[in-house]
Amino acid sequence: MPVFPRPVSGPVGISGDPGSWLARAEAEYQRLIGLNAAAGWEKTLAEFGPGYVYETARTQWRLAEALAGSGRPREAADVCRAASATAAELRAKPLRAALDHLARRLGLDAGGSRAAVRDDESSVAALTRREREVLRLMSRGLSNRQIGEELFITTKTASVHVSNILAKLGAATRTEAAAIARAEVT
């Protein structure tokens, strides 16, 4: 792991403490190289302290991702809810959108509780037969128009099926939905 040099003096950003920004840079670097660890984000939270509300919420977002990725979904959900509440209070729309996306990936509904899918039932199993057909074609990279032609339905109907699939799987994109389906099949 590369070691970032610690600045000797001078304010950086709104916090005035270079250590907080250095901790964030180190945690982001680890995330970008695929070693997203909760410890780096926890260190960043400690460096910023409670006085920097937006930066705390932003760091909690990344911490929740790291916790989820390390098999700690309950902790991730708690951190995500806290960050989401702060983002809503601050009216930080881009951050709130990112947290909403993470909440969907964690399987949280709008109220912050786990989505109602039985533990013994996969998310793909919750799809209708037609939605599974659409997902299969979507996974092959077909557009809504092409899906419609293949299944003899309108483009708009195909679009509705795709939207329902994304919602049921908690996926933000068609690619993510296809990846979820592949993971559940294997």
C-alpha atoms as a PDB file:
ATOM      1  CA  MET A   1       0.000   0.000   0.000  1.00  0.00           C
ATOM      2  CA  PRO A   2       1.478   3.374  -0.934  1.00  0.00           C
ATOM      3  CA  VAL A   3       1.942   5.770   1.927  1.00  0.00           C
ATOM      4  CA  PHE A   4       0.717   9.272   1.247  1.00  0.00           C
ATOM      5  CA  PRO A   5       3.024  11.964   2.648  1.00  0.00           C
ATOM      6  CA  ARG A   6       1.458  13.956   5.461  1.00  0.00           C
ATOM      7  CA  PRO A   7       1.432  17.714   4.774  1.00  0.00           C
ATOM      8  CA  VAL A   8       3.462  19.713   7.249  1.00  0.00           C
ATOM      9  CA  SER A   9       1.097  22.648   7.675  1.00  0.00           C
ATOM     10  CA  GLY A  10      -1.659  24.709   6.119  1.00  0.00           C
ATOM     11  CA  PRO A  11      -5.386  24.272   5.945  1.00  0.00           C
ATOM     12  CA  VAL A  12      -6.883  21.962   3.371  1.00  0.00           C
ATOM     13  CA  GLY A  13     -10.564  22.157   2.500  1.00  0.00           C
ATOM     14  CA  ILE A  14     -13.217  23.320   4.907  1.00  0.00           C
ATOM     15  CA  SER A  15     -11.964  21.307   7.865  1.00  0.00           C
ATOM     16  CA  GLY A  16      -8.611  23.028   8.127  1.00  0.00           C
ATOM     17  CA  ASP A  17      -7.108  19.683   9.181  1.00  0.00           C
ATOM     18  CA  PRO A  18      -5.056  17.970   6.499  1.00  0.00           C
ATOM     19  CA  GLY A  19      -5.296  14.647   8.372  1.00  0.00           C
ATOM     20  CA  SER A  20      -8.998  14.244   7.632  1.00  0.00           C
ATOM     21  CA  TRP A  21      -8.513  14.750   3.918  1.00  0.00           C
ATOM     22  CA  LEU A  22      -5.493  12.480   3.900  1.00  0.00           C
ATOM     23  CA  ALA A  23      -7.492   9.740   5.620  1.00  0.00           C
ATOM     24  CA  ARG A  24     -10.243  10.145   2.999  1.00  0.00           C
ATOM     25  CA  ALA A  25      -7.703   9.992   0.142  1.00  0.00           C
ATOM     26  CA  GLU A  26      -6.168   6.803   1.563  1.00  0.00           C
ATOM     27  CA  ALA A  27      -9.583   5.169   2.028  1.00  0.00           C
ATOM     28  CA  GLU A  28     -10.672   6.169  -1.498  1.00  0.00           C
ATOM     29  CA  TYR A  29      -7.444   4.802  -2.951  1.00  0.00           C
ATOM     30  CA  GLN A  30      -8.024   1.465  -1.193  1.00  0.00           C
ATOM     31  CA  ARG A  31     -11.610   1.402  -2.480  1.00  0.00           C
ATOM     32  CA  LEU A  32     -10.493   2.120  -6.037  1.00  0.00           C
ATOM     33  CA  ILE A  33      -7.945  -0.693  -6.074  1.00  0.00           C
ATOM     34  CA  GLY A  34     -10.542  -3.142  -4.761  1.00  0.00           C
ATOM     35  CA  LEU A  35      -9.509  -3.246  -1.100  1.00  0.00           C
ATOM     36  CA  ASN A  36     -12.453  -1.310   0.335  1.00  0.00           C
ATOM     37  CA  ALA A  37     -12.052  -1.750   4.093  1.00  0.00           C
ATOM     38  CA  ALA A  38     -14.302  -0.407   6.820  1.00  0.00           C
ATOM     39  CA  ALA A  39     -11.273   0.503   8.939  1.00  0.00           C
ATOM     40  CA  GLY A  40     -10.183   3.200   6.485  1.00  0.00           C
ATOM     41  CA  TRP A  41     -13.612   4.815   6.510  1.00  0.00           C
ATOM     42  CA  GLU A  42     -13.874   4.557  10.292  1.00  0.00           C
ATOM     43  CA  LYS A  43     -10.525   6.346  10.552  1.00  0.00           C
ATOM     44  CA  THR A  44     -11.826   9.030   8.190  1.00  0.00           C
ATOM     45  CA  LEU A  45     -14.941   9.497  10.342  1.00  0.00           C
ATOM     46  CA  ALA A  46     -12.780   9.912  13.431  1.00  0.00           C
ATOM     47  CA  GLU A  47     -10.532  12.435  11.663  1.00  0.00           C
ATOM     48  CA  PHE A  48     -13.410  14.624  10.502  1.00  0.00           C
ATOM     49  CA  GLY A  49     -15.302  14.484  13.769  1.00  0.00           C
ATOM     50  CA  PRO A  50     -18.952  15.376  14.316  1.00  0.00           C
ATOM     51  CA  GLY A  51     -18.561  19.037  13.337  1.00  0.00           C
ATOM     52  CA  TYR A  52     -18.433  18.270   9.626  1.00  0.00           C
ATOM     53  CA  VAL A  53     -21.926  16.973   9.026  1.00  0.00           C
ATOM     54  CA  TYR A  54     -21.836  16.624   5.244  1.00  0.00           C
ATOM     55  CA  GLU A  55     -18.397  15.000   5.216  1.00  0.00           C
ATOM     56  CA  THR A  56     -19.543  12.632   7.947  1.00  0.00           C
ATOM     57  CA  ALA A  57     -22.594  11.569   5.907  1.00  0.00           C
ATOM     58  CA  ARG A  58     -20.474  11.190   2.781  1.00  0.00           C
ATOM     59  CA  THR A  59     -17.964   9.047   4.670  1.00  0.00           C
ATOM     60  CA  GLN A  60     -20.779   6.985   6.206  1.00  0.00           C
ATOM     61  CA  TRP A  61     -21.966   6.215   2.664  1.00  0.00           C
ATOM     62  CA  ARG A  62     -18.583   4.722   1.819  1.00  0.00           C
ATOM     63  CA  LEU A  63     -18.378   2.973   5.197  1.00  0.00           C
ATOM     64  CA  ALA A  64     -21.769   1.342   4.576  1.00  0.00           C
ATOM     65  CA  GLU A  65     -20.531   0.068   1.198  1.00  0.00           C
ATOM     66  CA  ALA A  66     -17.418  -1.364   2.835  1.00  0.00           C
ATOM     67  CA  LEU A  67     -19.422  -3.008   5.620  1.00  0.00           C
ATOM     68  CA  ALA A  68     -21.824  -4.554   3.105  1.00  0.00           C
ATOM     69  CA  GLY A  69     -18.912  -5.805   1.038  1.00  0.00           C
ATOM     70  CA  SER A  70     -17.323  -7.460   4.065  1.00  0.00           C
ATOM     71  CA  GLY A  71     -20.448  -9.404   5.011  1.00  0.00           C
ATOM     72  CA  ARG A  72     -21.782  -7.063   7.682  1.00  0.00           C
ATOM     73  CA  PRO A  73     -25.164  -6.054   6.178  1.00  0.00           C
ATOM     74  CA  ARG A  74     -26.888  -5.084   9.436  1.00  0.00           C
ATOM     75  CA  GLU A  75     -24.145  -2.641  10.365  1.00  0.00           C
ATOM     76  CA  ALA A  76     -24.136  -1.372   6.775  1.00  0.00           C
ATOM     77  CA  ALA A  77     -27.893  -0.800   6.926  1.00  0.00           C
ATOM     78  CA  ASP A  78     -27.610   1.148  10.198  1.00  0.00           C
ATOM     79  CA  VAL A  79     -24.839   3.375   8.827  1.00  0.00           C
ATOM     80  CA  CYS A  80     -26.709   3.848   5.542  1.00  0.00           C
ATOM     81  CA  ARG A  81     -29.875   4.933   7.386  1.00  0.00           C
ATOM     82  CA  ALA A  82     -27.934   7.439   9.498  1.00  0.00           C
ATOM     83  CA  ALA A  83     -26.222   8.931   6.451  1.00  0.00           C
ATOM     84  CA  SER A  84     -29.494   9.027   4.526  1.00  0.00           C
ATOM     85  CA  ALA A  85     -31.229  10.923   7.316  1.00  0.00           C
ATOM     86  CA  THR A  86     -28.408  13.472   7.380  1.00  0.00           C
ATOM     87  CA  ALA A  87     -28.434  13.838   3.586  1.00  0.00           C
ATOM     88  CA  ALA A  88     -32.200  14.408   3.649  1.00  0.00           C
ATOM     89  CA  GLU A  89     -31.852  16.995   6.395  1.00  0.00           C
ATOM     90  CA  LEU A  90     -29.114  18.797   4.452  1.00  0.00           C
ATOM     91  CA  ARG A  91     -31.101  18.506   1.199  1.00  0.00           C
ATOM     92  CA  ALA A  92     -28.005  16.998  -0.405  1.00  0.00           C
ATOM     93  CA  LYS A  93     -29.750  15.474  -3.424  1.00  0.00           C
ATOM     94  CA  PRO A  94     -26.768  13.765  -5.127  1.00  0.00           C
ATOM     95  CA  LEU A  95     -25.651  12.188  -1.849  1.00  0.00           C
ATOM     96  CA  ARG A  96     -29.218  11.168  -1.050  1.00  0.00           C
ATOM     97  CA  ALA A  97     -29.523   9.537  -4.490  1.00  0.00           C
ATOM     98  CA  ALA A  98     -26.297   7.592  -3.920  1.00  0.00           C
ATOM     99  CA  LEU A  99     -27.543   6.457  -0.508  1.00  0.00           C
ATOM    100  CA  ASP A 100     -30.921   5.454  -1.950  1.00  0.00           C
ATOM    101  CA  HIS A 101     -29.099   3.335  -4.529  1.00  0.00           C
ATOM    102  CA  LEU A 102     -27.032   1.709  -1.781  1.00  0.00           C
ATOM    103  CA  ALA A 103     -30.178   1.090   0.269  1.00  0.00           C
ATOM    104  CA  ARG A 104     -31.740  -0.720  -2.708  1.00  0.00           C
ATOM    105  CA  ARG A 105     -28.605  -2.827  -3.071  1.00  0.00           C
ATOM    106  CA  LEU A 106     -28.788  -3.657   0.647  1.00  0.00           C
ATOM    107  CA  GLY A 107     -32.424  -4.655   0.262  1.00  0.00           C
ATOM    108  CA  LEU A 108     -33.855  -1.811   2.348  1.00  0.00           C
ATOM    109  CA  ASP A 109     -37.257  -0.323   1.562  1.00  0.00           C
ATOM    110  CA  ALA A 110     -38.035   3.391   1.799  1.00  0.00           C
ATOM    111  CA  GLY A 111     -38.832   3.016   5.512  1.00  0.00           C
ATOM    112  CA  GLY A 112     -35.377   1.619   6.209  1.00  0.00           C
ATOM    113  CA  SER A 113     -36.384  -1.961   6.985  1.00  0.00           C
ATOM    114  CA  ARG A 114     -35.437  -5.094   5.106  1.00  0.00           C
ATOM    115  CA  ALA A 115     -37.461  -5.762   1.988  1.00  0.00           C
ATOM    116  CA  ALA A 116     -40.077  -8.472   2.342  1.00  0.00           C
ATOM    117  CA  VAL A 117     -38.427 -11.367   0.516  1.00  0.00           C
ATOM    118  CA  ARG A 118     -38.289 -14.636   2.392  1.00  0.00           C
ATOM    119  CA  ASP A 119     -34.795 -15.847   3.231  1.00  0.00           C
ATOM    120  CA  ASP A 120     -35.351 -19.118   1.367  1.00  0.00           C
ATOM    121  CA  GLU A 121     -36.530 -17.313  -1.764  1.00  0.00           C
ATOM    122  CA  SER A 122     -34.075 -15.732  -4.190  1.00  0.00           C
ATOM    123  CA  SER A 123     -34.864 -12.346  -5.696  1.00  0.00           C
ATOM    124  CA  VAL A 124     -34.953 -13.902  -9.180  1.00  0.00           C
ATOM    125  CA  ALA A 125     -37.534 -16.409  -7.946  1.00  0.00           C
ATOM    126  CA  ALA A 126     -39.748 -13.444  -7.007  1.00  0.00           C
ATOM    127  CA  LEU A 127     -39.968 -12.490 -10.700  1.00  0.00           C
ATOM    128  CA  THR A 128     -42.909 -13.555 -12.833  1.00  0.00           C
ATOM    129  CA  ARG A 129     -42.367 -16.004 -15.686  1.00  0.00           C
ATOM    130  CA  ARG A 130     -42.531 -13.142 -18.219  1.00  0.00           C
ATOM    131  CA  GLU A 131     -40.090 -11.037 -16.189  1.00  0.00           C
ATOM    132  CA  ARG A 132     -37.621 -13.947 -16.153  1.00  0.00           C
ATOM    133  CA  GLU A 133     -37.961 -14.164 -19.961  1.00  0.00           C
ATOM    134  CA  VAL A 134     -37.290 -10.424 -20.245  1.00  0.00           C
ATOM    135  CA  LEU A 135     -34.339 -10.715 -17.838  1.00  0.00           C
ATOM    136  CA  ARG A 136     -32.849 -13.512 -19.952  1.00  0.00           C
ATOM    137  CA  LEU A 137     -33.043 -11.332 -23.078  1.00  0.00           C
ATOM    138  CA  MET A 138     -31.899  -8.246 -21.195  1.00  0.00           C
ATOM    139  CA  SER A 139     -28.856 -10.202 -19.983  1.00  0.00           C
ATOM    140  CA  ARG A 140     -27.964 -10.874 -23.607  1.00  0.00           C
ATOM    141  CA  GLY A 141     -27.798  -7.113 -24.159  1.00  0.00           C
ATOM    142  CA  LEU A 142     -31.047  -6.668 -26.087  1.00  0.00           C
ATOM    143  CA  SER A 143     -32.740  -3.264 -26.083  1.00  0.00           C
ATOM    144  CA  ASN A 144     -36.374  -2.807 -25.069  1.00  0.00           C
ATOM    145  CA  ARG A 145     -37.350  -2.697 -28.744  1.00  0.00           C
ATOM    146  CA  GLN A 146     -35.483  -5.934 -29.462  1.00  0.00           C
ATOM    147  CA  ILE A 147     -37.024  -7.602 -26.386  1.00  0.00           C
ATOM    148  CA  GLY A 148     -40.453  -6.515 -27.577  1.00  0.00           C
ATOM    149  CA  GLU A 149     -39.849  -7.971 -31.032  1.00  0.00           C
ATOM    150  CA  GLU A 150     -38.573 -11.246 -29.582  1.00  0.00           C
ATOM    151  CA  LEU A 151     -41.521 -11.681 -27.192  1.00  0.00           C
ATOM    152  CA  PHE A 152     -44.192 -10.121 -29.449  1.00  0.00           C
ATOM    153  CA  ILE A 153     -44.922  -7.293 -27.004  1.00  0.00           C
ATOM    154  CA  THR A 154     -44.680  -3.518 -27.399  1.00  0.00           C
ATOM    155  CA  THR A 155     -41.520  -1.603 -26.574  1.00  0.00           C
ATOM    156  CA  LYS A 156     -43.421   0.157 -23.782  1.00  0.00           C
ATOM    157  CA  THR A 157     -44.489  -3.176 -22.252  1.00  0.00           C
ATOM    158  CA  ALA A 158     -40.883  -4.388 -22.414  1.00  0.00           C
ATOM    159  CA  SER A 159     -39.817  -1.165 -20.696  1.00  0.00           C
ATOM    160  CA  VAL A 160     -42.338  -1.730 -17.895  1.00  0.00           C
ATOM    161  CA  HIS A 161     -41.068  -5.291 -17.404  1.00  0.00           C
ATOM    162  CA  VAL A 162     -37.467  -4.011 -17.253  1.00  0.00           C
ATOM    163  CA  SER A 163     -38.430  -1.383 -14.653  1.00  0.00           C
ATOM    164  CA  ASN A 164     -40.200  -4.016 -12.549  1.00  0.00           C
ATOM    165  CA  ILE A 165     -37.190  -6.337 -12.771  1.00  0.00           C
ATOM    166  CA  LEU A 166     -34.804  -3.601 -11.664  1.00  0.00           C
ATOM    167  CA  ALA A 167     -37.052  -2.738  -8.716  1.00  0.00           C
ATOM    168  CA  LYS A 168     -37.544  -6.346  -7.606  1.00  0.00           C
ATOM    169  CA  LEU A 169     -33.830  -7.134  -7.822  1.00  0.00           C
ATOM    170  CA  GLY A 170     -32.791  -3.831  -6.239  1.00  0.00           C
ATOM    171  CA  ALA A 171     -30.582  -3.134  -9.244  1.00  0.00           C
ATOM    172  CA  ALA A 172     -29.811   0.314 -10.590  1.00  0.00           C
ATOM    173  CA  THR A 173     -28.888  -0.790 -14.109  1.00  0.00           C
ATOM    174  CA  ARG A 174     -29.632  -3.561 -16.571  1.00  0.00           C
ATOM    175  CA  THR A 175     -26.049  -4.776 -16.200  1.00  0.00           C
ATOM    176  CA  GLU A 176     -26.408  -5.012 -12.428  1.00  0.00           C
ATOM    177  CA  ALA A 177     -29.673  -6.961 -12.833  1.00  0.00           C
ATOM    178  CA  ALA A 178     -27.955  -9.397 -15.183  1.00  0.00           C
ATOM    179  CA  ALA A 179     -25.090  -9.826 -12.701  1.00  0.00           C
ATOM    180  CA  ILE A 180     -27.530 -10.536  -9.856  1.00  0.00           C
ATOM    181  CA  ALA A 181     -29.312 -13.129 -11.988  1.00  0.00           C
ATOM    182  CA  ARG A 182     -26.037 -14.809 -12.939  1.00  0.00           C
ATOM    183  CA  ALA A 183     -24.884 -14.859  -9.288  1.00  0.00           C
ATOM    184  CA  GLU A 184     -28.117 -16.518  -8.168  1.00  0.00           C
ATOM    185  CA  VAL A 185     -28.007 -19.134 -10.915  1.00  0.00           C
ATOM    186  CA  THR A 186     -24.429 -20.202 -10.139  1.00  0.00           C
END
